[in-house]
């Protein structure tokens, strides 16, 4: 996680420096706020990764003398045939269209569909086995 927190902290410093320069040169409120908020969000993520890196043991990515074979093995479990990501994408697209046209009723319906699709995706393998 050391690599990740360095990347985000560098991005945060860059955004703050650019925001200061932008404040002096442009003096435009929306751009200044956007740059400072972007830097703040990057700083939040970088700080989170820094705290998490203290609790975890070192990974091969953090060791400059690591070999490629040090990172071999299982990365994680990926569902071979899940249709839930398609449902999440559909719900997000529907929510985006609802926001674009500001149809409140459609935002409510697509929000409910989105929550259901996210719950299905998260709990896909946490259901009780069938009783046969």
N, C-alpha and C. Protein backbone atom coordinates (compact mmCIF):
# COMPACT_ATOMS: atom_id res chain seq x y z
N UNK A 1 0.81 -1.20 0.00
CA UNK A 1 0.00 0.00 0.00
C UNK A 1 0.85 1.26 0.00
N UNK A 2 2.15 1.08 0.15
CA UNK A 2 3.01 2.26 0.19
C UNK A 2 3.01 2.99 -1.15
N UNK A 3 2.96 2.22 -2.22
CA UNK A 3 2.95 2.83 -3.55
C UNK A 3 1.67 3.65 -3.74
N UNK A 4 0.56 3.08 -3.32
CA UNK A 4 -0.71 3.77 -3.52
C UNK A 4 -0.79 5.06 -2.72
N UNK A 5 -0.37 5.02 -1.47
CA UNK A 5 -0.50 6.26 -0.69
C UNK A 5 0.45 7.34 -1.20
N UNK A 6 1.59 6.94 -1.73
CA UNK A 6 2.49 7.95 -2.32
C UNK A 6 1.86 8.59 -3.56
N UNK A 7 1.24 7.77 -4.39
CA UNK A 7 0.61 8.31 -5.61
C UNK A 7 -0.47 9.32 -5.26
N UNK A 8 -1.34 8.97 -4.33
CA UNK A 8 -2.44 9.87 -3.98
C UNK A 8 -1.94 11.12 -3.26
N UNK A 9 -0.91 10.99 -2.46
CA UNK A 9 -0.38 12.18 -1.79
C UNK A 9 0.34 13.10 -2.77
N UNK A 10 0.99 12.54 -3.78
CA UNK A 10 1.60 13.38 -4.83
C UNK A 10 0.52 14.10 -5.62
N UNK A 11 -0.57 13.40 -5.93
CA UNK A 11 -1.68 14.04 -6.64
C UNK A 11 -2.28 15.15 -5.79
N UNK A 12 -2.41 14.93 -4.49
CA UNK A 12 -2.96 15.96 -3.59
C UNK A 12 -2.07 17.20 -3.57
N UNK A 13 -0.76 16.99 -3.44
CA UNK A 13 0.16 18.14 -3.43
C UNK A 13 0.10 18.88 -4.76
N UNK A 14 0.05 18.13 -5.86
CA UNK A 14 -0.05 18.77 -7.17
C UNK A 14 -1.32 19.61 -7.28
N UNK A 15 -2.45 19.06 -6.83
CA UNK A 15 -3.71 19.80 -6.91
C UNK A 15 -3.67 21.06 -6.05
N UNK A 16 -3.08 20.97 -4.86
CA UNK A 16 -3.00 22.15 -4.01
C UNK A 16 -2.10 23.22 -4.61
N UNK A 17 -0.97 22.81 -5.19
CA UNK A 17 -0.06 23.79 -5.83
C UNK A 17 -0.75 24.45 -7.02
N UNK A 18 -1.41 23.65 -7.84
CA UNK A 18 -2.12 24.20 -9.00
C UNK A 18 -3.26 25.11 -8.54
N UNK A 19 -3.93 24.73 -7.45
CA UNK A 19 -5.02 25.57 -6.94
C UNK A 19 -4.51 26.92 -6.46
N UNK A 20 -3.36 26.94 -5.82
CA UNK A 20 -2.78 28.21 -5.37
C UNK A 20 -2.40 29.07 -6.56
N UNK A 21 -1.76 28.46 -7.55
CA UNK A 21 -1.39 29.21 -8.76
C UNK A 21 -2.64 29.71 -9.48
N UNK A 22 -3.66 28.87 -9.55
CA UNK A 22 -4.91 29.25 -10.20
C UNK A 22 -5.61 30.38 -9.45
N UNK A 23 -5.50 30.35 -8.12
CA UNK A 23 -6.10 31.42 -7.32
C UNK A 23 -5.45 32.76 -7.63
N UNK A 24 -4.12 32.75 -7.76
CA UNK A 24 -3.40 34.00 -8.03
C UNK A 24 -3.68 34.50 -9.45
N UNK A 25 -3.67 33.59 -10.42
CA UNK A 25 -3.78 34.01 -11.81
C UNK A 25 -5.22 34.22 -12.28
N UNK A 26 -6.11 33.30 -11.95
CA UNK A 26 -7.45 33.36 -12.54
C UNK A 26 -8.49 34.01 -11.63
N UNK A 27 -8.41 33.74 -10.35
CA UNK A 27 -9.37 34.27 -9.38
C UNK A 27 -10.81 33.95 -9.76
N UNK A 28 -11.03 32.70 -10.12
CA UNK A 28 -12.36 32.24 -10.50
C UNK A 28 -12.80 31.21 -9.47
N UNK A 29 -13.93 31.44 -8.84
CA UNK A 29 -14.32 30.70 -7.64
C UNK A 29 -14.56 29.21 -7.88
N UNK A 30 -15.22 28.86 -8.97
CA UNK A 30 -15.57 27.46 -9.20
C UNK A 30 -14.32 26.61 -9.44
N UNK A 31 -13.41 27.09 -10.24
CA UNK A 31 -12.18 26.35 -10.49
C UNK A 31 -11.32 26.22 -9.25
N UNK A 32 -11.25 27.27 -8.46
CA UNK A 32 -10.48 27.23 -7.21
C UNK A 32 -11.07 26.19 -6.26
N UNK A 33 -12.38 26.24 -6.10
CA UNK A 33 -13.03 25.27 -5.21
C UNK A 33 -12.84 23.84 -5.71
N UNK A 34 -12.98 23.65 -7.01
CA UNK A 34 -12.81 22.32 -7.58
C UNK A 34 -11.41 21.77 -7.37
N UNK A 35 -10.40 22.60 -7.57
CA UNK A 35 -9.02 22.14 -7.39
C UNK A 35 -8.71 21.85 -5.93
N UNK A 36 -9.16 22.70 -5.03
CA UNK A 36 -8.92 22.44 -3.61
C UNK A 36 -9.67 21.20 -3.13
N UNK A 37 -10.89 21.02 -3.59
CA UNK A 37 -11.65 19.82 -3.20
C UNK A 37 -11.04 18.56 -3.79
N UNK A 38 -10.54 18.62 -5.01
CA UNK A 38 -9.87 17.47 -5.61
C UNK A 38 -8.62 17.11 -4.82
N UNK A 39 -7.86 18.11 -4.45
CA UNK A 39 -6.68 17.86 -3.62
C UNK A 39 -7.05 17.28 -2.26
N UNK A 40 -8.13 17.78 -1.67
CA UNK A 40 -8.58 17.25 -0.39
C UNK A 40 -9.03 15.80 -0.47
N UNK A 41 -9.76 15.47 -1.53
CA UNK A 41 -10.20 14.09 -1.70
C UNK A 41 -9.01 13.15 -1.94
N UNK A 42 -8.04 13.59 -2.73
CA UNK A 42 -6.85 12.76 -2.94
C UNK A 42 -6.08 12.60 -1.63
N UNK A 43 -6.05 13.63 -0.82
CA UNK A 43 -5.37 13.55 0.48
C UNK A 43 -6.10 12.59 1.42
N UNK A 44 -7.41 12.58 1.38
CA UNK A 44 -8.18 11.64 2.20
C UNK A 44 -7.85 10.20 1.81
N UNK A 45 -7.86 9.91 0.51
CA UNK A 45 -7.57 8.55 0.06
C UNK A 45 -6.12 8.17 0.38
N UNK A 46 -5.19 9.08 0.17
CA UNK A 46 -3.79 8.80 0.48
C UNK A 46 -3.57 8.55 1.96
N UNK A 47 -4.24 9.32 2.81
CA UNK A 47 -4.13 9.12 4.25
C UNK A 47 -4.73 7.78 4.67
N UNK A 48 -5.85 7.43 4.07
CA UNK A 48 -6.46 6.12 4.35
C UNK A 48 -5.50 4.99 3.98
N UNK A 49 -4.92 5.07 2.79
CA UNK A 49 -3.97 4.03 2.37
C UNK A 49 -2.74 4.00 3.27
N UNK A 50 -2.31 5.14 3.78
CA UNK A 50 -1.16 5.17 4.69
C UNK A 50 -1.50 4.43 5.99
N UNK A 51 -2.69 4.65 6.55
CA UNK A 51 -3.08 3.96 7.78
C UNK A 51 -3.27 2.46 7.54
N UNK A 52 -3.84 2.09 6.40
CA UNK A 52 -4.04 0.67 6.10
C UNK A 52 -2.70 -0.02 5.89
N UNK A 53 -1.74 0.67 5.29
CA UNK A 53 -0.43 0.07 5.02
C UNK A 53 0.29 -0.28 6.32
N UNK A 54 0.00 0.44 7.39
CA UNK A 54 0.65 0.13 8.68
C UNK A 54 0.16 -1.19 9.25
N UNK A 55 -1.08 -1.53 8.98
CA UNK A 55 -1.67 -2.74 9.55
C UNK A 55 -1.42 -4.00 8.72
N UNK A 56 -1.10 -3.83 7.47
CA UNK A 56 -0.90 -4.98 6.59
C UNK A 56 0.58 -5.31 6.46
N UNK A 57 0.84 -6.57 6.19
CA UNK A 57 2.22 -6.94 5.95
C UNK A 57 2.62 -6.49 4.55
N UNK A 58 3.92 -6.39 4.32
CA UNK A 58 4.41 -5.89 3.04
C UNK A 58 4.04 -6.78 1.86
N UNK A 59 3.75 -6.16 0.76
CA UNK A 59 3.43 -6.90 -0.47
C UNK A 59 4.63 -6.87 -1.39
N UNK A 60 4.66 -7.72 -2.39
CA UNK A 60 5.77 -7.68 -3.34
C UNK A 60 5.89 -6.35 -4.07
N UNK A 61 4.77 -5.65 -4.25
CA UNK A 61 4.80 -4.36 -4.93
C UNK A 61 5.54 -3.30 -4.12
N UNK A 62 5.59 -3.49 -2.80
CA UNK A 62 6.26 -2.51 -1.94
C UNK A 62 7.75 -2.78 -1.78
N UNK A 63 8.20 -3.94 -2.20
CA UNK A 63 9.61 -4.31 -2.07
C UNK A 63 10.34 -4.01 -3.38
N UNK A 64 11.31 -3.12 -3.39
CA UNK A 64 11.99 -2.79 -4.65
C UNK A 64 12.84 -3.92 -5.21
N UNK A 65 13.18 -4.90 -4.37
CA UNK A 65 14.01 -6.02 -4.83
C UNK A 65 13.20 -7.30 -5.05
N UNK A 66 11.89 -7.19 -5.14
CA UNK A 66 11.04 -8.36 -5.32
C UNK A 66 11.12 -8.88 -6.75
N UNK A 67 10.90 -10.17 -6.88
CA UNK A 67 10.85 -10.81 -8.19
C UNK A 67 9.39 -10.93 -8.62
N UNK A 68 9.19 -11.19 -9.90
CA UNK A 68 7.83 -11.35 -10.41
C UNK A 68 7.17 -12.56 -9.77
N UNK A 69 7.93 -13.60 -9.52
CA UNK A 69 7.37 -14.81 -8.94
C UNK A 69 6.91 -14.61 -7.50
N UNK A 70 7.35 -13.56 -6.83
CA UNK A 70 6.90 -13.29 -5.46
C UNK A 70 5.42 -12.93 -5.41
N UNK A 71 4.89 -12.42 -6.50
CA UNK A 71 3.48 -12.04 -6.54
C UNK A 71 2.58 -13.12 -7.12
N UNK A 72 3.12 -14.32 -7.35
CA UNK A 72 2.33 -15.40 -7.94
C UNK A 72 1.32 -15.93 -6.93
N UNK A 73 0.27 -16.50 -7.45
CA UNK A 73 -0.76 -17.10 -6.59
C UNK A 73 -2.12 -16.52 -6.90
N UNK A 74 -3.07 -16.92 -6.09
CA UNK A 74 -4.44 -16.46 -6.27
C UNK A 74 -4.55 -14.98 -5.93
N UNK A 75 -5.24 -14.25 -6.78
CA UNK A 75 -5.48 -12.83 -6.55
C UNK A 75 -6.78 -12.65 -5.78
N UNK A 76 -7.76 -13.44 -6.13
CA UNK A 76 -9.06 -13.35 -5.48
C UNK A 76 -10.06 -14.21 -6.22
N UNK A 77 -11.30 -14.13 -5.83
CA UNK A 77 -12.35 -14.89 -6.49
C UNK A 77 -13.17 -13.96 -7.36
N UNK A 78 -13.32 -14.35 -8.60
CA UNK A 78 -14.12 -13.57 -9.55
C UNK A 78 -15.21 -14.49 -10.09
N UNK A 79 -16.43 -14.03 -10.00
CA UNK A 79 -17.57 -14.85 -10.40
C UNK A 79 -17.51 -15.15 -11.89
N UNK A 80 -17.61 -16.42 -12.26
CA UNK A 80 -17.49 -16.77 -13.68
C UNK A 80 -18.70 -16.41 -14.52
N UNK A 81 -19.87 -16.34 -13.93
CA UNK A 81 -21.04 -16.08 -14.75
C UNK A 81 -22.08 -15.25 -14.04
N UNK A 82 -21.71 -14.11 -13.53
CA UNK A 82 -22.64 -13.27 -12.80
C UNK A 82 -23.27 -12.25 -13.74
N UNK A 83 -24.58 -12.13 -13.62
CA UNK A 83 -25.29 -11.13 -14.41
C UNK A 83 -25.57 -9.86 -13.62
N UNK A 84 -25.20 -9.82 -12.35
CA UNK A 84 -25.46 -8.65 -11.52
C UNK A 84 -24.74 -7.39 -12.00
N UNK A 85 -23.51 -7.47 -12.51
CA UNK A 85 -22.90 -6.23 -13.02
C UNK A 85 -23.69 -5.59 -14.16
N UNK A 86 -24.35 -6.40 -14.96
CA UNK A 86 -25.19 -5.86 -16.04
C UNK A 86 -26.38 -5.11 -15.43
N UNK A 87 -26.96 -5.67 -14.38
CA UNK A 87 -28.06 -5.00 -13.69
C UNK A 87 -27.64 -3.70 -13.05
N UNK A 88 -26.44 -3.69 -12.44
CA UNK A 88 -25.93 -2.45 -11.84
C UNK A 88 -25.70 -1.40 -12.92
N UNK A 89 -25.12 -1.80 -14.05
CA UNK A 89 -24.88 -0.86 -15.15
C UNK A 89 -26.20 -0.31 -15.69
N UNK A 90 -27.20 -1.16 -15.84
CA UNK A 90 -28.50 -0.71 -16.32
C UNK A 90 -29.12 0.30 -15.35
N UNK A 91 -29.05 -0.01 -14.06
CA UNK A 91 -29.64 0.89 -13.06
C UNK A 91 -28.91 2.22 -13.01
N UNK A 92 -27.59 2.21 -13.13
CA UNK A 92 -26.83 3.46 -13.13
C UNK A 92 -27.16 4.28 -14.39
N UNK A 93 -27.28 3.61 -15.53
CA UNK A 93 -27.64 4.32 -16.75
C UNK A 93 -29.03 4.94 -16.63
N UNK A 94 -29.96 4.17 -16.08
CA UNK A 94 -31.32 4.69 -15.89
C UNK A 94 -31.33 5.86 -14.91
N UNK A 95 -30.53 5.77 -13.85
CA UNK A 95 -30.44 6.87 -12.89
C UNK A 95 -29.81 8.10 -13.54
N UNK A 96 -28.81 7.91 -14.38
CA UNK A 96 -28.19 9.04 -15.07
C UNK A 96 -29.16 9.74 -16.02
N UNK A 97 -29.93 8.96 -16.74
CA UNK A 97 -30.93 9.55 -17.64
C UNK A 97 -32.00 10.29 -16.82
N UNK A 98 -32.39 9.68 -15.70
CA UNK A 98 -33.39 10.32 -14.84
C UNK A 98 -32.88 11.64 -14.28
N UNK A 99 -31.61 11.68 -13.91
CA UNK A 99 -31.03 12.92 -13.42
C UNK A 99 -30.90 13.96 -14.53
N UNK A 100 -30.57 13.51 -15.74
CA UNK A 100 -30.40 14.45 -16.85
C UNK A 100 -31.71 15.16 -17.18
N UNK A 101 -32.81 14.42 -17.14
CA UNK A 101 -34.11 15.01 -17.44
C UNK A 101 -34.87 15.44 -16.19
N UNK A 102 -34.29 15.18 -15.02
CA UNK A 102 -34.85 15.50 -13.71
C UNK A 102 -36.27 14.97 -13.56
N UNK A 103 -36.41 13.68 -13.82
CA UNK A 103 -37.66 12.97 -13.54
C UNK A 103 -37.51 12.35 -12.16
N UNK A 104 -38.11 12.96 -11.18
CA UNK A 104 -37.96 12.51 -9.79
C UNK A 104 -38.52 11.10 -9.62
N UNK A 105 -39.64 10.82 -10.23
CA UNK A 105 -40.24 9.49 -10.10
C UNK A 105 -39.32 8.43 -10.69
N UNK A 106 -38.64 8.75 -11.79
CA UNK A 106 -37.72 7.79 -12.39
C UNK A 106 -36.46 7.66 -11.55
N UNK A 107 -36.04 8.75 -10.88
CA UNK A 107 -34.87 8.66 -10.00
C UNK A 107 -35.16 7.73 -8.83
N UNK A 108 -36.37 7.81 -8.28
CA UNK A 108 -36.73 6.94 -7.16
C UNK A 108 -36.76 5.49 -7.61
N UNK A 109 -37.39 5.21 -8.74
CA UNK A 109 -37.47 3.84 -9.25
C UNK A 109 -36.08 3.30 -9.58
N UNK A 110 -35.26 4.08 -10.27
CA UNK A 110 -33.92 3.61 -10.64
C UNK A 110 -33.03 3.49 -9.41
N UNK A 111 -33.23 4.32 -8.40
CA UNK A 111 -32.49 4.18 -7.15
C UNK A 111 -32.82 2.87 -6.44
N UNK A 112 -34.10 2.50 -6.44
CA UNK A 112 -34.51 1.24 -5.83
C UNK A 112 -33.93 0.06 -6.62
N UNK A 113 -33.98 0.15 -7.94
CA UNK A 113 -33.39 -0.91 -8.78
C UNK A 113 -31.89 -1.00 -8.54
N UNK A 114 -31.23 0.15 -8.42
CA UNK A 114 -29.78 0.16 -8.18
C UNK A 114 -29.44 -0.47 -6.84
N UNK A 115 -30.18 -0.14 -5.79
CA UNK A 115 -29.92 -0.75 -4.49
C UNK A 115 -30.15 -2.26 -4.53
N UNK A 116 -31.17 -2.69 -5.23
CA UNK A 116 -31.42 -4.13 -5.36
C UNK A 116 -30.31 -4.84 -6.13
N UNK A 117 -29.83 -4.21 -7.21
CA UNK A 117 -28.76 -4.82 -8.00
C UNK A 117 -27.45 -4.87 -7.21
N UNK A 118 -27.17 -3.81 -6.45
CA UNK A 118 -25.95 -3.81 -5.63
C UNK A 118 -26.05 -4.89 -4.55
N UNK A 119 -27.22 -5.01 -3.92
CA UNK A 119 -27.40 -6.05 -2.91
C UNK A 119 -27.25 -7.44 -3.52
N UNK A 120 -27.79 -7.63 -4.72
CA UNK A 120 -27.62 -8.92 -5.40
C UNK A 120 -26.17 -9.22 -5.72
N UNK A 121 -25.43 -8.20 -6.14
CA UNK A 121 -24.02 -8.39 -6.46
C UNK A 121 -23.20 -8.70 -5.21
N UNK A 122 -23.47 -7.98 -4.13
CA UNK A 122 -22.69 -8.17 -2.90
C UNK A 122 -23.02 -9.51 -2.25
N UNK A 123 -24.28 -9.87 -2.21
CA UNK A 123 -24.70 -11.08 -1.49
C UNK A 123 -24.92 -12.27 -2.42
N UNK A 124 -24.33 -12.26 -3.59
CA UNK A 124 -24.55 -13.32 -4.56
C UNK A 124 -24.15 -14.69 -4.02
N UNK A 125 -23.07 -14.77 -3.31
CA UNK A 125 -22.59 -16.06 -2.79
C UNK A 125 -22.82 -16.20 -1.29
N UNK A 126 -23.67 -15.36 -0.72
CA UNK A 126 -23.95 -15.43 0.71
C UNK A 126 -25.37 -15.91 0.99
N UNK A 127 -25.94 -16.63 0.07
CA UNK A 127 -27.29 -17.13 0.29
C UNK A 127 -27.19 -18.56 0.84
N UNK A 128 -28.24 -18.96 1.52
CA UNK A 128 -28.30 -20.28 2.12
C UNK A 128 -28.39 -21.34 1.03
N UNK A 129 -27.69 -22.47 1.20
CA UNK A 129 -27.80 -23.53 0.19
C UNK A 129 -29.22 -24.09 0.16
N UNK A 130 -29.62 -24.56 -1.00
CA UNK A 130 -30.99 -25.09 -1.15
C UNK A 130 -31.13 -26.37 -0.35
N UNK A 131 -32.30 -26.56 0.22
CA UNK A 131 -32.56 -27.73 1.06
C UNK A 131 -33.21 -28.80 0.20
N UNK A 132 -32.42 -29.76 -0.24
CA UNK A 132 -32.96 -30.86 -1.07
C UNK A 132 -32.76 -32.15 -0.36
